[in-house]
Amino acid sequence: MTLSFFDQFMSPTFMFIPLIIVSLIIPWLFFPNPSARWTNNRLVTLQSWFINRFTQQLLLPLNIEGHKWAALFTSLMIFLISLNMCGLLPYTFTPTTQLSLNMGLAMPLWLATVIIGMRNQPTHALGHLLPEGTPTLLIPILIIIETISLFIRPLALGVRLTANLTAGHLLIQLIATAVFVLMQIMPTVAILTAILLILLTLLEVAVAAIQAYVFVLLLSLYLQENV
């Protein structure tokens, strides 16, 4: 049976039960539990150092009001990195290649930042729709453009994460298929292609971490405009 390259992005099911729920839960099992002891093992120490450094960099441009979101942003960052990394393993499913999941994460968080801005400082939040010094004739056009750009933000968050991960997985599958085909015909070319595949896999590991960081960073910038 011939399978399409896009079949890897279909949510698997077992006895009519979608396994995407299992894919969302399993990554958390690999993280060690913090200990109350003074001396922890290397894994817990490395995890704590990473979380502290990320939280410091993320909250650097935010004021005190924005620091309340530290736990949420840090948890979201770890969650996305775990899903992206586990999706690079063989015979696994990457939930973040589903636009519905990414939009489900982006839309509520973006809407929360907008509601906070409208509640705390409505004048300043609405002021983003009209830049200062705008000519009178351009005011209606700019308000429409800025409103559209505001509502496009969650869509851009979800599509960016989905597109980057989907493109990387497709490229890895295409090159891996080429390696198997060329192995019998041109072994030398197959070896060179396999080396390219290894380098591409390392690049995808970096992309998986960077895209998770960009997702959370953009959310923090949206929050910065409204607190």
C-alpha atoms as a PDB file:
ATOM      1  CA  MET A   1       0.000   0.000   0.000  1.00  0.00           C
ATOM      2  CA  THR A   2       1.471   3.334  -1.055  1.00  0.00           C
ATOM      3  CA  LEU A   3       1.416   5.978   1.633  1.00  0.00           C
ATOM      4  CA  SER A   4       1.468   9.709   1.108  1.00  0.00           C
ATOM      5  CA  PHE A   5       4.205  11.855   2.613  1.00  0.00           C
ATOM      6  CA  PHE A   6       1.485  13.710   4.532  1.00  0.00           C
ATOM      7  CA  ASP A   7       0.173  10.580   6.240  1.00  0.00           C
ATOM      8  CA  GLN A   8       2.701  11.116   9.024  1.00  0.00           C
ATOM      9  CA  PHE A   9       0.759  14.218  10.083  1.00  0.00           C
ATOM     10  CA  MET A  10      -2.528  12.364  10.554  1.00  0.00           C
ATOM     11  CA  SER A  11      -3.483  11.859  14.175  1.00  0.00           C
ATOM     12  CA  PRO A  12      -3.157   8.105  14.906  1.00  0.00           C
ATOM     13  CA  THR A  13      -6.020   6.229  16.522  1.00  0.00           C
ATOM     14  CA  PHE A  14      -6.264   2.989  18.489  1.00  0.00           C
ATOM     15  CA  MET A  15      -9.678   1.380  18.853  1.00  0.00           C
ATOM     16  CA  PHE A  16     -11.220   4.634  17.610  1.00  0.00           C
ATOM     17  CA  ILE A  17      -9.439   6.556  20.384  1.00  0.00           C
ATOM     18  CA  PRO A  18      -7.187   9.431  19.177  1.00  0.00           C
ATOM     19  CA  LEU A  19      -3.662   8.915  20.456  1.00  0.00           C
ATOM     20  CA  ILE A  20      -2.865  12.620  20.324  1.00  0.00           C
ATOM     21  CA  ILE A  21      -3.888  12.731  23.997  1.00  0.00           C
ATOM     22  CA  VAL A  22      -1.138  10.231  24.813  1.00  0.00           C
ATOM     23  CA  SER A  23       1.327  12.286  22.757  1.00  0.00           C
ATOM     24  CA  LEU A  24       0.463  15.355  24.830  1.00  0.00           C
ATOM     25  CA  ILE A  25       0.888  13.578  28.175  1.00  0.00           C
ATOM     26  CA  ILE A  26       3.967  11.393  27.665  1.00  0.00           C
ATOM     27  CA  PRO A  27       6.596  14.206  27.349  1.00  0.00           C
ATOM     28  CA  TRP A  28       5.922  15.310  30.918  1.00  0.00           C
ATOM     29  CA  LEU A  29       6.936  11.878  32.206  1.00  0.00           C
ATOM     30  CA  PHE A  30      10.543  12.443  31.121  1.00  0.00           C
ATOM     31  CA  PHE A  31      11.071  15.460  33.367  1.00  0.00           C
ATOM     32  CA  PRO A  32      12.526  14.730  36.814  1.00  0.00           C
ATOM     33  CA  ASN A  33      10.638  15.839  39.901  1.00  0.00           C
ATOM     34  CA  PRO A  34      12.303  18.583  41.982  1.00  0.00           C
ATOM     35  CA  SER A  35      13.781  17.412  45.241  1.00  0.00           C
ATOM     36  CA  ALA A  36      13.797  19.087  48.656  1.00  0.00           C
ATOM     37  CA  ARG A  37      17.433  18.104  49.200  1.00  0.00           C
ATOM     38  CA  TRP A  38      20.240  20.648  48.980  1.00  0.00           C
ATOM     39  CA  THR A  39      22.205  18.462  46.584  1.00  0.00           C
ATOM     40  CA  ASN A  40      20.300  17.349  43.490  1.00  0.00           C
ATOM     41  CA  ASN A  41      21.417  15.176  40.626  1.00  0.00           C
ATOM     42  CA  ARG A  42      22.860  16.669  37.450  1.00  0.00           C
ATOM     43  CA  LEU A  43      19.625  16.391  35.475  1.00  0.00           C
ATOM     44  CA  VAL A  44      17.563  18.357  38.017  1.00  0.00           C
ATOM     45  CA  THR A  45      20.337  20.945  38.336  1.00  0.00           C
ATOM     46  CA  LEU A  46      20.505  21.389  34.567  1.00  0.00           C
ATOM     47  CA  GLN A  47      16.720  21.671  34.369  1.00  0.00           C
ATOM     48  CA  SER A  48      16.630  24.318  37.112  1.00  0.00           C
ATOM     49  CA  TRP A  49      19.428  26.311  35.475  1.00  0.00           C
ATOM     50  CA  PHE A  50      17.675  26.255  32.105  1.00  0.00           C
ATOM     51  CA  ILE A  51      14.339  27.343  33.572  1.00  0.00           C
ATOM     52  CA  ASN A  52      15.935  30.170  35.563  1.00  0.00           C
ATOM     53  CA  ARG A  53      17.892  31.492  32.570  1.00  0.00           C
ATOM     54  CA  PHE A  54      14.889  31.323  30.277  1.00  0.00           C
ATOM     55  CA  THR A  55      12.642  33.070  32.811  1.00  0.00           C
ATOM     56  CA  GLN A  56      15.179  35.858  33.293  1.00  0.00           C
ATOM     57  CA  GLN A  57      15.541  36.481  29.559  1.00  0.00           C
ATOM     58  CA  LEU A  58      11.805  36.302  28.948  1.00  0.00           C
ATOM     59  CA  LEU A  59      10.801  38.696  31.722  1.00  0.00           C
ATOM     60  CA  LEU A  60      13.620  41.167  31.125  1.00  0.00           C
ATOM     61  CA  PRO A  61      11.552  43.625  29.007  1.00  0.00           C
ATOM     62  CA  LEU A  62       8.373  43.198  31.112  1.00  0.00           C
ATOM     63  CA  ASN A  63       7.350  45.260  34.093  1.00  0.00           C
ATOM     64  CA  ILE A  64       6.270  43.880  37.457  1.00  0.00           C
ATOM     65  CA  GLU A  65       2.704  43.232  36.299  1.00  0.00           C
ATOM     66  CA  GLY A  66       3.960  40.977  33.511  1.00  0.00           C
ATOM     67  CA  HIS A  67       5.988  38.838  35.923  1.00  0.00           C
ATOM     68  CA  LYS A  68       2.770  37.108  36.989  1.00  0.00           C
ATOM     69  CA  TRP A  69       2.900  35.231  33.685  1.00  0.00           C
ATOM     70  CA  ALA A  70       6.335  33.704  34.391  1.00  0.00           C
ATOM     71  CA  ALA A  71       5.066  30.265  35.440  1.00  0.00           C
ATOM     72  CA  LEU A  72       2.648  30.054  32.496  1.00  0.00           C
ATOM     73  CA  PHE A  73       5.219  31.060  29.878  1.00  0.00           C
ATOM     74  CA  THR A  74       7.908  28.789  31.299  1.00  0.00           C
ATOM     75  CA  SER A  75       5.543  25.801  31.420  1.00  0.00           C
ATOM     76  CA  LEU A  76       4.401  26.501  27.858  1.00  0.00           C
ATOM     77  CA  MET A  77       8.009  26.707  26.675  1.00  0.00           C
ATOM     78  CA  ILE A  78       8.923  23.357  28.257  1.00  0.00           C
ATOM     79  CA  PHE A  79       5.724  21.797  26.915  1.00  0.00           C
ATOM     80  CA  LEU A  80       6.354  22.899  23.310  1.00  0.00           C
ATOM     81  CA  ILE A  81      10.028  21.911  23.352  1.00  0.00           C
ATOM     82  CA  SER A  82       9.126  18.476  24.702  1.00  0.00           C
ATOM     83  CA  LEU A  83       6.495  17.901  22.021  1.00  0.00           C
ATOM     84  CA  ASN A  84       8.791  19.108  19.238  1.00  0.00           C
ATOM     85  CA  MET A  85      11.747  17.016  20.392  1.00  0.00           C
ATOM     86  CA  CYS A  86       9.723  13.846  20.934  1.00  0.00           C
ATOM     87  CA  GLY A  87       8.288  14.257  17.447  1.00  0.00           C
ATOM     88  CA  LEU A  88      11.777  13.866  15.965  1.00  0.00           C
ATOM     89  CA  LEU A  89      12.068  10.322  17.326  1.00  0.00           C
ATOM     90  CA  PRO A  90      11.260   7.436  14.955  1.00  0.00           C
ATOM     91  CA  TYR A  91       7.697   6.089  14.909  1.00  0.00           C
ATOM     92  CA  THR A  92       6.343   9.025  16.895  1.00  0.00           C
ATOM     93  CA  PHE A  93       3.666  11.614  16.243  1.00  0.00           C
ATOM     94  CA  THR A  94       4.218  15.372  16.539  1.00  0.00           C
ATOM     95  CA  PRO A  95       1.085  17.085  17.895  1.00  0.00           C
ATOM     96  CA  THR A  96       2.472  20.551  17.108  1.00  0.00           C
ATOM     97  CA  THR A  97       2.218  19.830  13.373  1.00  0.00           C
ATOM     98  CA  GLN A  98      -1.556  20.124  13.840  1.00  0.00           C
ATOM     99  CA  LEU A  99      -2.798  23.660  13.215  1.00  0.00           C
ATOM    100  CA  SER A 100      -5.821  23.060  15.429  1.00  0.00           C
ATOM    101  CA  LEU A 101      -3.619  22.383  18.472  1.00  0.00           C
ATOM    102  CA  ASN A 102      -1.365  25.379  17.842  1.00  0.00           C
ATOM    103  CA  MET A 103      -4.355  27.668  17.334  1.00  0.00           C
ATOM    104  CA  GLY A 104      -5.861  26.261  20.523  1.00  0.00           C
ATOM    105  CA  LEU A 105      -2.740  27.408  22.365  1.00  0.00           C
ATOM    106  CA  ALA A 106      -2.292  30.738  20.562  1.00  0.00           C
ATOM    107  CA  MET A 107      -5.866  32.055  20.513  1.00  0.00           C
ATOM    108  CA  PRO A 108      -6.696  31.975  24.280  1.00  0.00           C
ATOM    109  CA  LEU A 109      -3.302  33.354  25.318  1.00  0.00           C
ATOM    110  CA  TRP A 110      -3.422  36.170  22.757  1.00  0.00           C
ATOM    111  CA  LEU A 111      -7.002  36.967  23.738  1.00  0.00           C
ATOM    112  CA  ALA A 112      -5.963  37.084  27.400  1.00  0.00           C
ATOM    113  CA  THR A 113      -3.291  39.709  26.660  1.00  0.00           C
ATOM    114  CA  VAL A 114      -5.820  41.819  24.723  1.00  0.00           C
ATOM    115  CA  ILE A 115      -8.424  41.587  27.504  1.00  0.00           C
ATOM    116  CA  ILE A 116      -5.824  42.577  30.104  1.00  0.00           C
ATOM    117  CA  GLY A 117      -4.893  45.629  28.027  1.00  0.00           C
ATOM    118  CA  MET A 118      -8.526  46.654  27.541  1.00  0.00           C
ATOM    119  CA  ARG A 119      -9.249  46.250  31.255  1.00  0.00           C
ATOM    120  CA  ASN A 120      -6.175  47.908  32.749  1.00  0.00           C
ATOM    121  CA  GLN A 121      -5.424  50.676  30.236  1.00  0.00           C
ATOM    122  CA  PRO A 122      -8.076  50.879  27.509  1.00  0.00           C
ATOM    123  CA  THR A 123      -6.859  54.222  26.157  1.00  0.00           C
ATOM    124  CA  HIS A 124      -3.318  52.962  25.673  1.00  0.00           C
ATOM    125  CA  ALA A 125      -4.527  49.667  24.177  1.00  0.00           C
ATOM    126  CA  LEU A 126      -6.777  51.403  21.669  1.00  0.00           C
ATOM    127  CA  GLY A 127      -4.016  53.910  20.924  1.00  0.00           C
ATOM    128  CA  HIS A 128      -2.065  51.143  19.151  1.00  0.00           C
ATOM    129  CA  LEU A 129      -4.735  51.177  16.436  1.00  0.00           C
ATOM    130  CA  LEU A 130      -3.884  54.748  15.444  1.00  0.00           C
ATOM    131  CA  PRO A 131      -0.253  55.948  15.371  1.00  0.00           C
ATOM    132  CA  GLU A 132       0.389  59.469  16.602  1.00  0.00           C
ATOM    133  CA  GLY A 133       0.515  62.191  13.953  1.00  0.00           C
ATOM    134  CA  THR A 134      -1.552  60.290  11.376  1.00  0.00           C
ATOM    135  CA  PRO A 135      -3.099  62.530   8.666  1.00  0.00           C
ATOM    136  CA  THR A 136      -6.862  62.882   8.929  1.00  0.00           C
ATOM    137  CA  LEU A 137      -7.568  61.259   5.576  1.00  0.00           C
ATOM    138  CA  LEU A 138      -5.597  58.138   6.527  1.00  0.00           C
ATOM    139  CA  ILE A 139      -7.212  57.601   9.935  1.00  0.00           C
ATOM    140  CA  PRO A 140     -10.021  55.225   8.789  1.00  0.00           C
ATOM    141  CA  ILE A 141      -7.646  53.197   6.597  1.00  0.00           C
ATOM    142  CA  LEU A 142      -5.000  52.850   9.313  1.00  0.00           C
ATOM    143  CA  ILE A 143      -7.559  51.827  11.921  1.00  0.00           C
ATOM    144  CA  ILE A 144      -8.801  49.047   9.629  1.00  0.00           C
ATOM    145  CA  ILE A 145      -5.238  47.898   8.824  1.00  0.00           C
ATOM    146  CA  GLU A 146      -4.135  47.899  12.474  1.00  0.00           C
ATOM    147  CA  THR A 147      -7.291  46.049  13.522  1.00  0.00           C
ATOM    148  CA  ILE A 148      -6.682  43.366  10.906  1.00  0.00           C
ATOM    149  CA  SER A 149      -3.031  43.045  11.964  1.00  0.00           C
ATOM    150  CA  LEU A 150      -4.165  42.689  15.575  1.00  0.00           C
ATOM    151  CA  PHE A 151      -6.514  39.806  14.795  1.00  0.00           C
ATOM    152  CA  ILE A 152      -3.948  38.122  12.536  1.00  0.00           C
ATOM    153  CA  ARG A 153      -1.493  37.719  15.423  1.00  0.00           C
ATOM    154  CA  PRO A 154      -2.857  34.413  16.818  1.00  0.00           C
ATOM    155  CA  LEU A 155      -3.152  33.017  13.293  1.00  0.00           C
ATOM    156  CA  ALA A 156       0.487  33.940  12.623  1.00  0.00           C
ATOM    157  CA  LEU A 157       1.566  32.240  15.866  1.00  0.00           C
ATOM    158  CA  GLY A 158      -0.181  28.985  15.010  1.00  0.00           C
ATOM    159  CA  VAL A 159       0.733  28.915  11.319  1.00  0.00           C
ATOM    160  CA  ARG A 160       4.410  29.740  11.969  1.00  0.00           C
ATOM    161  CA  LEU A 161       4.859  26.843  14.378  1.00  0.00           C
ATOM    162  CA  THR A 162       2.891  24.428  12.185  1.00  0.00           C
ATOM    163  CA  ALA A 163       4.607  25.384   8.927  1.00  0.00           C
ATOM    164  CA  ASN A 164       8.161  25.201  10.249  1.00  0.00           C
ATOM    165  CA  LEU A 165       7.734  21.797  11.869  1.00  0.00           C
ATOM    166  CA  THR A 166       5.769  20.365   8.947  1.00  0.00           C
ATOM    167  CA  ALA A 167       8.360  21.536   6.418  1.00  0.00           C
ATOM    168  CA  GLY A 168      11.200  20.041   8.456  1.00  0.00           C
ATOM    169  CA  HIS A 169       9.492  16.665   8.834  1.00  0.00           C
ATOM    170  CA  LEU A 170       8.662  16.516   5.135  1.00  0.00           C
ATOM    171  CA  LEU A 171      12.241  17.347   4.175  1.00  0.00           C
ATOM    172  CA  ILE A 172      13.624  14.666   6.494  1.00  0.00           C
ATOM    173  CA  GLN A 173      11.243  12.076   5.035  1.00  0.00           C
ATOM    174  CA  LEU A 174      12.094  13.040   1.452  1.00  0.00           C
ATOM    175  CA  ILE A 175      15.857  12.792   2.034  1.00  0.00           C
ATOM    176  CA  ALA A 176      15.490   9.535   3.998  1.00  0.00           C
ATOM    177  CA  THR A 177      13.478   8.053   1.115  1.00  0.00           C
ATOM    178  CA  ALA A 178      16.180   9.161  -1.310  1.00  0.00           C
ATOM    179  CA  VAL A 179      18.837   7.425   0.811  1.00  0.00           C
ATOM    180  CA  PHE A 180      16.987   4.098   0.677  1.00  0.00           C
ATOM    181  CA  VAL A 181      16.400   4.384  -3.072  1.00  0.00           C
ATOM    182  CA  LEU A 182      20.000   5.352  -3.883  1.00  0.00           C
ATOM    183  CA  MET A 183      21.545   2.698  -1.624  1.00  0.00           C
ATOM    184  CA  GLN A 184      21.222   0.005  -4.300  1.00  0.00           C
ATOM    185  CA  ILE A 185      21.876   2.233  -7.308  1.00  0.00           C
ATOM    186  CA  MET A 186      24.601   4.686  -6.235  1.00  0.00           C
ATOM    187  CA  PRO A 187      26.052   3.825  -2.816  1.00  0.00           C
ATOM    188  CA  THR A 188      28.475   6.768  -2.796  1.00  0.00           C
ATOM    189  CA  VAL A 189      25.702   9.276  -3.424  1.00  0.00           C
ATOM    190  CA  ALA A 190      23.576   7.505  -0.812  1.00  0.00           C
ATOM    191  CA  ILE A 191      26.308   7.931   1.815  1.00  0.00           C
ATOM    192  CA  LEU A 192      26.626  11.635   1.029  1.00  0.00           C
ATOM    193  CA  THR A 193      22.845  11.978   1.217  1.00  0.00           C
ATOM    194  CA  ALA A 194      22.839  10.167   4.566  1.00  0.00           C
ATOM    195  CA  ILE A 195      25.382  12.658   5.905  1.00  0.00           C
ATOM    196  CA  LEU A 196      23.106  15.452   4.710  1.00  0.00           C
ATOM    197  CA  LEU A 197      20.231  13.745   6.482  1.00  0.00           C
ATOM    198  CA  ILE A 198      22.154  13.681   9.777  1.00  0.00           C
ATOM    199  CA  LEU A 199      23.006  17.375   9.463  1.00  0.00           C
ATOM    200  CA  LEU A 200      19.392  18.185   8.641  1.00  0.00           C
ATOM    201  CA  THR A 201      18.223  16.240  11.691  1.00  0.00           C
ATOM    202  CA  LEU A 202      20.564  18.283  13.896  1.00  0.00           C
ATOM    203  CA  LEU A 203      19.168  21.420  12.296  1.00  0.00           C
ATOM    204  CA  GLU A 204      15.629  20.262  13.029  1.00  0.00           C
ATOM    205  CA  VAL A 205      16.551  19.787  16.690  1.00  0.00           C
ATOM    206  CA  ALA A 206      17.591  23.451  16.769  1.00  0.00           C
ATOM    207  CA  VAL A 207      14.448  24.481  14.880  1.00  0.00           C
ATOM    208  CA  ALA A 208      12.271  22.586  17.365  1.00  0.00           C
ATOM    209  CA  ALA A 209      13.770  24.544  20.269  1.00  0.00           C
ATOM    210  CA  ILE A 210      13.854  27.889  18.445  1.00  0.00           C
ATOM    211  CA  GLN A 211      10.231  27.708  17.287  1.00  0.00           C
ATOM    212  CA  ALA A 212       9.037  26.968  20.819  1.00  0.00           C
ATOM    213  CA  TYR A 213      11.064  29.920  22.096  1.00  0.00           C
ATOM    214  CA  VAL A 214       9.732  32.234  19.353  1.00  0.00           C
ATOM    215  CA  PHE A 215       6.149  31.215  20.129  1.00  0.00           C
ATOM    216  CA  VAL A 216       6.508  32.152  23.802  1.00  0.00           C
ATOM    217  CA  LEU A 217       8.625  35.235  23.065  1.00  0.00           C
ATOM    218  CA  LEU A 218       5.990  36.715  20.758  1.00  0.00           C
ATOM    219  CA  LEU A 219       3.336  36.101  23.388  1.00  0.00           C
ATOM    220  CA  SER A 220       5.473  37.961  25.917  1.00  0.00           C
ATOM    221  CA  LEU A 221       5.842  40.877  23.482  1.00  0.00           C
ATOM    222  CA  TYR A 222       2.072  40.995  23.019  1.00  0.00           C
ATOM    223  CA  LEU A 223       1.739  41.017  26.798  1.00  0.00           C
ATOM    224  CA  GLN A 224       4.291  43.832  27.069  1.00  0.00           C
ATOM    225  CA  GLU A 225       2.070  46.064  24.943  1.00  0.00           C
ATOM    226  CA  ASN A 226      -0.874  45.596  27.285  1.00  0.00           C
ATOM    227  CA  VAL A 227       0.595  45.773  30.806  1.00  0.00           C
END
